[in-house]
Amino acid sequence: MNPRWPSVPLGEVASLKWRGEIPQVGKKYRLVGVQLWGKGAYVRETIDGSETRYSQLFRVAENDIIVNKIWARNGSISVIGRETHGTYGSSEFPTYVIDRTKLDPRWMYWFTRLPSLWKQCEELSRGTSGQNRLRPERFLEVRIPLPPLSVQQDIVARLDGIDRRLISRQTAVSNIDADLSATLMAVFSRITTGAPRSLMRTVAPLVRRPVEIEPEKTYHELGARSFGRGLFDKPLLKGANLTWQKLFRIENGDLVFSNIKAWEGAFAVASAQDHGKVGSHRYLTCVPATDKVTPHFLWYYLQTREGINQVQAASPGSADRNRTLSQKRLEQIEVPLPSLEVQRWFDQLHDKMVFVRARSKEVKAELDQLIPAVLARELLAA
């Protein structure tokens, strides 16, 4: 910690405070939760007093420090703000009142976002019973940097200002992404309205390429993420370890469906880096006829509301795990077919959006890393 500032036990500037109440039938209680990794407190749910198993609930107040005894070591610590003032927690959430003549609550809030505090909590939790719970009195042993109150307030003002600017930039990035998605959907709707339609079995028939499993070989298996988030590599498979499983070869340009999660968008276009990998018997591959449809145009349609409704209709069953995509019904799905020239133009437009979206994610990741860097500099740097 900054050698210019004293490091003091939290117990010198805060004290444990319990505001217990016996839950009353008919009274509503907003329950508080504390996110991991210093992400703050939030209102978890509202219950009636008859709905809790706890003999007491404990009210929290604005500027209290609140700690989750089990997960403090993972950053489940915060300072109560206006939006969570008057909420309630169980005895798993001890609270501490700050001596505001010595410690600014916002200074403590920013300090709760530092891994150095989480590490202290982990060390103080070791060896205790009950899943390494942090005993409430032990939390008062954590050490915090304590410059003069005026210095705390100056640094807090800078941090709060940076945080507001970052939130504004992140909101702008999210808005750009939303605008791009809406524009792309409007373009897609325009070019497909009135376009001729054809069945999947005609434009992208189901093709199965069984793999003869060899015991000494290793196989690269793919999976498909839900909600159109692409394919991913599963752990390598050793042929000798495969017993009842069947594997099928995947090739570049295939439209790959998870037959148990297709109903929630678990399908994607295989890329060149996926070529030659395998999927289990639970994965179906359709091969687009490139003289009729482009793979990515077809994928985009099936991810639209109209398209996913058809996929869901082709996946009968009531329970999630039993909603298996029927091969016959998949082949009967109707898709719009504007000209190939128009499809390719749309694919180029979509590629540009994907590029911008990837850059937006990079910017957001950079912004997410900025606060920890500023915190370390302002609160701990020499």
Protein backbone atom coordinates (compact mmCIF):
# COMPACT_ATOMS: atom_id res chain seq x y z
CA MET A 1 0.00 0.00 0.00
CA ASN A 2 1.02 3.60 -0.45
CA PRO A 3 3.77 4.18 2.13
CA ARG A 4 2.68 7.80 2.55
CA TRP A 5 -0.61 6.65 4.03
CA PRO A 6 -1.09 4.63 7.21
CA SER A 7 -2.47 1.11 6.91
CA VAL A 8 -4.99 0.49 9.69
CA PRO A 9 -7.26 -2.37 10.75
CA LEU A 10 -10.83 -1.76 9.62
CA GLY A 11 -11.87 -2.07 13.28
CA GLU A 12 -10.34 1.38 13.93
CA VAL A 13 -12.83 3.07 11.60
CA ALA A 14 -15.85 0.73 11.53
CA SER A 15 -17.87 -1.45 13.91
CA LEU A 16 -20.11 -4.47 13.53
CA LYS A 17 -23.81 -3.58 13.54
CA TRP A 18 -26.79 -5.96 13.64
CA ARG A 19 -30.32 -4.54 13.20
CA GLY A 20 -32.31 -7.69 13.77
CA GLU A 21 -36.07 -8.03 13.25
CA ILE A 22 -38.40 -10.98 13.68
CA PRO A 23 -40.10 -11.52 10.30
CA GLN A 24 -43.80 -10.63 10.37
CA VAL A 25 -46.46 -12.34 8.30
CA GLY A 26 -47.90 -9.87 5.80
CA LYS A 27 -44.87 -7.59 5.79
CA LYS A 28 -42.77 -7.37 2.65
CA TYR A 29 -38.99 -7.62 2.88
CA ARG A 30 -36.62 -6.68 0.08
CA LEU A 31 -33.69 -9.04 0.33
CA VAL A 32 -30.16 -7.89 -0.42
CA GLY A 33 -27.51 -9.77 -2.38
CA VAL A 34 -23.83 -9.00 -2.91
CA GLN A 35 -22.20 -9.77 -6.23
CA LEU A 36 -18.77 -11.36 -6.51
CA TRP A 37 -15.56 -9.54 -7.47
CA GLY A 38 -16.57 -6.18 -6.04
CA LYS A 39 -19.52 -5.72 -8.41
CA GLY A 40 -21.76 -4.28 -5.69
CA ALA A 41 -24.92 -4.93 -3.69
CA TYR A 42 -28.33 -5.35 -5.31
CA VAL A 43 -31.97 -6.11 -4.46
CA ARG A 44 -32.28 -9.85 -4.92
CA GLU A 45 -36.02 -10.37 -4.41
CA THR A 46 -39.00 -9.30 -2.30
CA ILE A 47 -40.66 -11.84 0.01
CA ASP A 48 -43.38 -11.97 2.62
CA GLY A 49 -42.30 -12.48 6.21
CA SER A 50 -43.96 -15.92 6.12
CA GLU A 51 -41.63 -17.06 3.33
CA THR A 52 -38.31 -17.08 5.16
CA ARG A 53 -36.83 -19.87 7.25
CA TYR A 54 -34.74 -17.40 9.29
CA SER A 55 -35.89 -16.46 12.78
CA GLN A 56 -34.41 -13.00 12.24
CA LEU A 57 -33.68 -10.77 9.28
CA PHE A 58 -31.21 -7.90 9.54
CA ARG A 59 -31.87 -4.48 8.05
CA VAL A 60 -29.06 -2.71 6.24
CA ALA A 61 -28.63 1.04 5.83
CA GLU A 62 -26.96 3.34 3.35
CA ASN A 63 -23.16 3.54 3.80
CA ASP A 64 -23.00 0.22 5.69
CA ILE A 65 -20.25 -2.16 4.66
CA ILE A 66 -21.86 -5.51 3.85
CA VAL A 67 -20.07 -8.85 3.60
CA ASN A 68 -21.11 -12.30 2.44
CA LYS A 69 -19.40 -14.57 5.00
CA ILE A 70 -18.98 -17.47 2.55
CA TRP A 71 -17.89 -15.58 -0.53
CA ALA A 72 -15.95 -12.65 0.90
CA ARG A 73 -12.80 -14.35 -0.37
CA ASN A 74 -14.28 -13.99 -3.88
CA GLY A 75 -15.02 -10.30 -3.54
CA SER A 76 -18.60 -10.50 -2.24
CA ILE A 77 -18.16 -7.29 -0.26
CA SER A 78 -19.65 -3.86 -0.88
CA VAL A 79 -20.96 -0.63 0.59
CA ILE A 80 -24.71 -0.11 0.66
CA GLY A 81 -25.98 2.64 -1.62
CA ARG A 82 -29.26 4.50 -1.80
CA GLU A 83 -30.95 1.85 -3.95
CA THR A 84 -30.34 -0.93 -1.40
CA HIS A 85 -30.94 1.15 1.73
CA GLY A 86 -33.54 -0.52 3.95
CA THR A 87 -33.13 -3.98 2.47
CA TYR A 88 -32.66 -7.09 4.61
CA GLY A 89 -30.18 -9.91 4.79
CA SER A 90 -29.77 -13.05 6.84
CA SER A 91 -27.05 -13.59 9.41
CA GLU A 92 -24.84 -14.64 6.49
CA PHE A 93 -24.51 -10.94 5.65
CA PRO A 94 -22.94 -9.03 8.56
CA THR A 95 -22.90 -5.23 8.25
CA TYR A 96 -20.51 -2.62 9.62
CA VAL A 97 -21.11 1.05 10.39
CA ILE A 98 -18.40 3.42 9.20
CA ASP A 99 -16.94 6.23 11.33
CA ARG A 100 -17.43 8.91 8.71
CA THR A 101 -15.13 11.36 10.50
CA LYS A 102 -12.25 9.10 9.47
CA LEU A 103 -13.42 7.01 6.49
CA ASP A 104 -15.41 8.09 3.45
CA PRO A 105 -17.92 5.35 2.47
CA ARG A 106 -17.08 5.76 -1.22
CA TRP A 107 -13.39 5.26 -0.42
CA MET A 108 -14.33 1.98 1.20
CA TYR A 109 -16.57 1.11 -1.75
CA TRP A 110 -13.71 1.51 -4.18
CA PHE A 111 -11.43 -0.47 -1.90
CA THR A 112 -13.91 -3.40 -1.95
CA ARG A 113 -13.18 -3.72 -5.67
CA LEU A 114 -9.50 -4.49 -5.13
CA PRO A 115 -8.19 -8.08 -5.20
CA SER A 116 -5.85 -7.21 -2.31
CA LEU A 117 -8.88 -6.98 0.00
CA TRP A 118 -10.32 -10.26 -1.31
CA LYS A 119 -7.00 -11.95 -0.63
CA GLN A 120 -7.02 -10.72 2.95
CA CYS A 121 -10.53 -12.14 3.38
CA GLU A 122 -9.39 -15.47 1.96
CA GLU A 123 -6.52 -15.64 4.43
CA LEU A 124 -8.80 -14.74 7.35
CA SER A 125 -11.32 -17.41 6.27
CA ARG A 126 -8.87 -20.31 6.18
CA GLY A 127 -9.26 -22.98 8.78
CA THR A 128 -12.69 -21.84 9.92
CA SER A 129 -15.59 -24.24 10.01
CA GLY A 130 -18.64 -24.07 7.78
CA GLN A 131 -17.20 -23.84 4.25
CA ASN A 132 -14.50 -21.40 5.31
CA ARG A 133 -16.94 -18.72 6.36
CA LEU A 134 -15.37 -15.44 7.37
CA ARG A 135 -16.35 -14.77 10.97
CA PRO A 136 -17.86 -11.26 11.28
CA GLU A 137 -15.39 -10.08 13.93
CA ARG A 138 -12.42 -11.23 11.85
CA PHE A 139 -13.40 -8.98 8.95
CA LEU A 140 -12.51 -6.05 11.19
CA GLU A 141 -8.90 -7.26 11.02
CA VAL A 142 -8.50 -6.45 7.32
CA ARG A 143 -6.16 -3.55 6.76
CA ILE A 144 -7.05 -0.57 4.60
CA PRO A 145 -5.04 2.44 3.42
CA LEU A 146 -6.23 5.53 5.29
CA PRO A 147 -5.09 8.89 3.99
CA PRO A 148 -6.64 12.07 5.46
CA LEU A 149 -10.37 12.37 4.82
CA SER A 150 -9.86 15.27 2.39
CA VAL A 151 -7.45 13.16 0.32
CA GLN A 152 -9.91 10.28 0.31
CA GLN A 153 -12.64 12.58 -0.96
CA ASP A 154 -10.45 14.05 -3.71
CA ILE A 155 -9.50 10.58 -4.99
CA VAL A 156 -13.09 9.35 -4.72
CA ALA A 157 -14.26 12.32 -6.81
CA ARG A 158 -11.75 11.39 -9.53
CA LEU A 159 -12.73 7.72 -9.45
CA ASP A 160 -16.45 8.51 -9.54
CA GLY A 161 -15.88 10.82 -12.50
CA ILE A 162 -13.90 8.19 -14.40
CA ASP A 163 -16.59 5.63 -13.62
CA ARG A 164 -19.33 7.87 -15.03
CA ARG A 165 -17.36 8.45 -18.22
CA LEU A 166 -16.70 4.72 -18.62
CA ILE A 167 -20.37 3.88 -18.12
CA SER A 168 -21.26 6.50 -20.72
CA ARG A 169 -18.78 5.02 -23.23
CA GLN A 170 -19.94 1.46 -22.54
CA THR A 171 -23.55 2.55 -23.05
CA ALA A 172 -22.56 4.16 -26.35
CA VAL A 173 -20.86 0.93 -27.47
CA SER A 174 -23.97 -1.07 -26.55
CA ASN A 175 -26.21 1.39 -28.40
CA ILE A 176 -24.06 1.14 -31.54
CA ASP A 177 -24.36 -2.65 -31.41
CA ALA A 178 -28.14 -2.45 -30.97
CA ASP A 179 -28.46 0.05 -33.86
CA LEU A 180 -26.37 -2.14 -36.16
CA SER A 181 -28.46 -5.21 -35.33
CA ALA A 182 -31.70 -3.33 -35.94
CA THR A 183 -30.42 -1.94 -39.25
CA LEU A 184 -29.29 -5.35 -40.44
CA MET A 185 -32.63 -6.90 -39.53
CA ALA A 186 -34.49 -4.15 -41.42
CA VAL A 187 -32.34 -4.76 -44.51
CA PHE A 188 -32.92 -8.51 -44.25
CA SER A 189 -36.66 -8.01 -43.97
CA ARG A 190 -36.65 -5.79 -47.06
CA ILE A 191 -34.69 -8.20 -49.28
CA THR A 192 -36.69 -11.28 -48.22
CA THR A 193 -40.18 -9.78 -48.46
CA GLY A 194 -41.82 -11.39 -51.45
CA ALA A 195 -38.77 -13.54 -52.23
CA PRO A 196 -39.43 -17.11 -53.44
CA ARG A 197 -39.16 -19.84 -50.84
CA SER A 198 -37.79 -23.34 -50.84
CA LEU A 199 -37.49 -26.29 -48.46
CA MET A 200 -34.32 -27.04 -46.51
CA ARG A 201 -34.12 -30.48 -48.12
CA THR A 202 -33.76 -28.71 -51.49
CA VAL A 203 -31.35 -25.91 -50.62
CA ALA A 204 -29.42 -27.50 -47.74
CA PRO A 205 -29.99 -31.25 -47.53
CA LEU A 206 -28.94 -33.25 -44.50
CA VAL A 207 -25.59 -34.99 -45.05
CA ARG A 208 -24.06 -37.51 -42.63
CA ARG A 209 -20.39 -38.50 -42.92
CA PRO A 210 -19.83 -41.40 -40.49
CA VAL A 211 -16.31 -41.70 -39.08
CA GLU A 212 -14.76 -45.13 -38.66
CA ILE A 213 -13.25 -44.86 -35.19
CA GLU A 214 -9.65 -46.03 -34.82
CA PRO A 215 -8.47 -46.74 -31.24
CA GLU A 216 -5.06 -45.08 -31.66
CA LYS A 217 -6.41 -41.84 -33.17
CA THR A 218 -7.39 -38.59 -31.44
CA TYR A 219 -10.53 -36.79 -32.58
CA HIS A 220 -11.30 -33.06 -32.41
CA GLU A 221 -14.95 -32.76 -31.38
CA LEU A 222 -17.10 -29.66 -31.86
CA GLY A 223 -20.09 -28.36 -29.96
CA ALA A 224 -22.59 -25.55 -30.71
CA ARG A 225 -23.42 -22.75 -28.28
CA SER A 226 -27.01 -21.67 -27.82
CA PHE A 227 -28.39 -18.32 -29.04
CA GLY A 228 -26.29 -18.29 -32.20
CA ARG A 229 -22.96 -17.90 -30.43
CA GLY A 230 -21.04 -20.24 -32.71
CA LEU A 231 -19.15 -23.52 -32.53
CA PHE A 232 -16.56 -24.41 -29.93
CA ASP A 233 -13.93 -27.10 -29.41
CA LYS A 234 -14.70 -29.83 -26.92
CA PRO A 235 -11.95 -31.82 -25.14
CA LEU A 236 -10.02 -34.15 -27.42
CA LEU A 237 -11.39 -37.66 -27.75
CA LYS A 238 -9.21 -40.76 -27.81
CA GLY A 239 -10.57 -43.46 -30.10
CA ALA A 240 -9.82 -46.18 -27.56
CA ASN A 241 -12.13 -44.46 -25.04
CA LEU A 242 -15.13 -44.36 -27.36
CA THR A 243 -17.61 -47.18 -26.85
CA TRP A 244 -21.19 -46.44 -27.84
CA GLN A 245 -20.56 -42.98 -29.32
CA LYS A 246 -20.81 -42.37 -33.05
CA LEU A 247 -18.88 -39.57 -34.71
CA PHE A 248 -19.58 -37.69 -37.93
CA ARG A 249 -17.20 -35.56 -39.98
CA ILE A 250 -17.82 -31.81 -40.32
CA GLU A 251 -16.65 -29.77 -43.30
CA ASN A 252 -16.18 -26.08 -44.00
CA GLY A 253 -19.51 -24.42 -44.88
CA ASP A 254 -21.71 -27.00 -43.15
CA LEU A 255 -24.64 -25.70 -41.14
CA VAL A 256 -24.19 -27.65 -37.89
CA PHE A 257 -27.18 -28.20 -35.58
CA SER A 258 -27.26 -29.52 -32.03
CA ASN A 259 -30.34 -31.69 -32.25
CA ILE A 260 -31.17 -31.18 -28.55
CA LYS A 261 -30.57 -27.42 -28.35
CA ALA A 262 -31.33 -26.22 -31.88
CA TRP A 263 -34.64 -24.86 -30.56
CA GLU A 264 -32.71 -22.18 -28.66
CA GLY A 265 -30.36 -21.29 -31.50
CA ALA A 266 -27.57 -23.86 -31.02
CA PHE A 267 -26.46 -24.05 -34.64
CA ALA A 268 -23.71 -22.39 -36.64
CA VAL A 269 -21.75 -22.39 -39.89
CA ALA A 270 -18.53 -24.42 -39.79
CA SER A 271 -15.45 -22.40 -40.78
CA ALA A 272 -12.19 -23.46 -42.42
CA GLN A 273 -10.65 -24.08 -38.99
CA ASP A 274 -13.49 -26.52 -38.22
CA HIS A 275 -12.96 -28.53 -41.40
CA GLY A 276 -12.28 -32.19 -40.67
CA LYS A 277 -13.36 -32.05 -37.04
CA VAL A 278 -16.19 -34.24 -35.77
CA GLY A 279 -19.54 -34.01 -34.06
CA SER A 280 -21.34 -36.65 -32.06
CA HIS A 281 -24.50 -38.36 -33.24
CA ARG A 282 -26.38 -35.50 -31.58
CA TYR A 283 -25.15 -33.07 -34.24
CA LEU A 284 -26.75 -32.77 -37.67
CA THR A 285 -25.00 -31.27 -40.69
CA CYS A 286 -26.83 -29.63 -43.55
CA VAL A 287 -24.84 -28.75 -46.67
CA PRO A 288 -26.07 -25.60 -48.45
CA ALA A 289 -26.28 -25.86 -52.22
CA THR A 290 -23.98 -22.96 -53.12
CA ASP A 291 -25.78 -22.33 -56.42
CA LYS A 292 -28.95 -21.54 -54.45
CA VAL A 293 -28.05 -20.21 -50.99
CA THR A 294 -25.04 -19.02 -49.02
CA PRO A 295 -24.41 -20.74 -45.65
CA HIS A 296 -24.34 -17.52 -43.64
CA PHE A 297 -27.50 -16.14 -45.25
CA LEU A 298 -29.29 -19.36 -44.36
CA TRP A 299 -27.92 -19.26 -40.80
CA TYR A 300 -29.03 -15.64 -40.36
CA TYR A 301 -32.56 -16.44 -41.47
CA LEU A 302 -32.87 -19.38 -39.10
CA GLN A 303 -31.71 -17.16 -36.22
CA THR A 304 -34.45 -14.58 -36.90
CA ARG A 305 -37.68 -14.81 -34.97
CA GLU A 306 -39.47 -16.32 -37.96
CA GLY A 307 -36.67 -18.79 -38.59
CA ILE A 308 -36.21 -19.89 -34.98
CA ASN A 309 -39.97 -20.38 -34.71
CA GLN A 310 -39.71 -22.92 -37.52
CA VAL A 311 -36.76 -24.64 -35.84
CA GLN A 312 -38.72 -24.82 -32.60
CA ALA A 313 -41.74 -26.24 -34.40
CA ALA A 314 -39.42 -28.89 -35.81
CA SER A 315 -38.26 -29.73 -32.27
CA PRO A 316 -41.27 -31.33 -30.57
CA GLY A 317 -41.39 -32.08 -26.87
CA SER A 318 -42.37 -30.31 -23.67
CA ALA A 319 -39.25 -30.46 -21.51
CA ASP A 320 -36.09 -28.65 -22.60
CA ARG A 321 -33.95 -31.77 -22.75
CA ASN A 322 -36.58 -33.64 -24.70
CA ARG A 323 -36.97 -31.03 -27.45
CA THR A 324 -35.07 -32.99 -30.08
CA LEU A 325 -34.82 -31.59 -33.60
CA SER A 326 -36.59 -33.96 -36.00
CA GLN A 327 -34.58 -34.65 -39.15
CA LYS A 328 -37.71 -34.97 -41.25
CA ARG A 329 -39.17 -31.73 -39.90
CA LEU A 330 -35.84 -29.95 -40.36
CA GLU A 331 -35.96 -30.87 -44.05
CA GLN A 332 -39.47 -29.34 -44.27
CA ILE A 333 -38.46 -25.87 -43.01
CA GLU A 334 -39.14 -23.18 -45.59
CA VAL A 335 -36.50 -20.50 -46.23
CA PRO A 336 -36.60 -17.30 -48.31
CA LEU A 337 -34.36 -17.21 -51.39
CA PRO A 338 -33.59 -13.82 -52.91
CA SER A 339 -30.99 -13.91 -55.67
CA LEU A 340 -27.48 -15.15 -54.88
CA GLU A 341 -26.14 -11.69 -55.71
CA VAL A 342 -28.40 -10.15 -53.05
CA GLN A 343 -27.50 -12.88 -50.54
CA ARG A 344 -23.77 -12.27 -51.05
CA TRP A 345 -24.26 -8.54 -50.69
CA PHE A 346 -26.11 -9.14 -47.42
CA ASP A 347 -23.33 -11.47 -46.20
CA GLN A 348 -20.78 -8.69 -46.81
CA LEU A 349 -22.94 -6.29 -44.83
CA HIS A 350 -23.24 -8.83 -42.03
CA ASP A 351 -19.46 -9.40 -42.02
CA LYS A 352 -18.92 -5.67 -41.53
CA MET A 353 -21.30 -5.70 -38.58
CA VAL A 354 -19.49 -8.69 -37.08
CA PHE A 355 -16.20 -6.81 -37.41
CA VAL A 356 -17.61 -3.70 -35.73
CA ARG A 357 -19.16 -5.83 -33.01
CA ALA A 358 -15.83 -7.58 -32.36
CA ARG A 359 -14.10 -4.22 -32.10
CA SER A 360 -16.84 -3.01 -29.74
CA LYS A 361 -16.20 -6.01 -27.50
CA GLU A 362 -12.49 -5.22 -27.49
CA VAL A 363 -13.24 -1.62 -26.50
CA LYS A 364 -15.57 -2.79 -23.73
CA ALA A 365 -12.90 -5.21 -22.45
CA GLU A 366 -10.37 -2.37 -22.44
CA LEU A 367 -12.79 -0.17 -20.51
CA ASP A 368 -13.46 -2.98 -18.03
CA GLN A 369 -9.72 -3.22 -17.35
CA LEU A 370 -9.28 0.52 -16.90
CA ILE A 371 -10.98 0.85 -13.51
CA PRO A 372 -8.78 -1.81 -11.79
CA ALA A 373 -5.69 -0.08 -13.17
CA VAL A 374 -6.85 3.32 -11.96
CA LEU A 375 -7.80 1.86 -8.58
CA ALA A 376 -4.38 0.30 -8.10
CA ARG A 377 -2.72 3.59 -9.00
CA GLU A 378 -4.92 5.85 -6.89
CA LEU A 379 -5.45 3.67 -3.82
CA LEU A 380 -2.28 1.62 -3.59
CA ALA A 381 0.50 3.04 -5.76
CA ALA A 382 3.59 4.55 -4.21
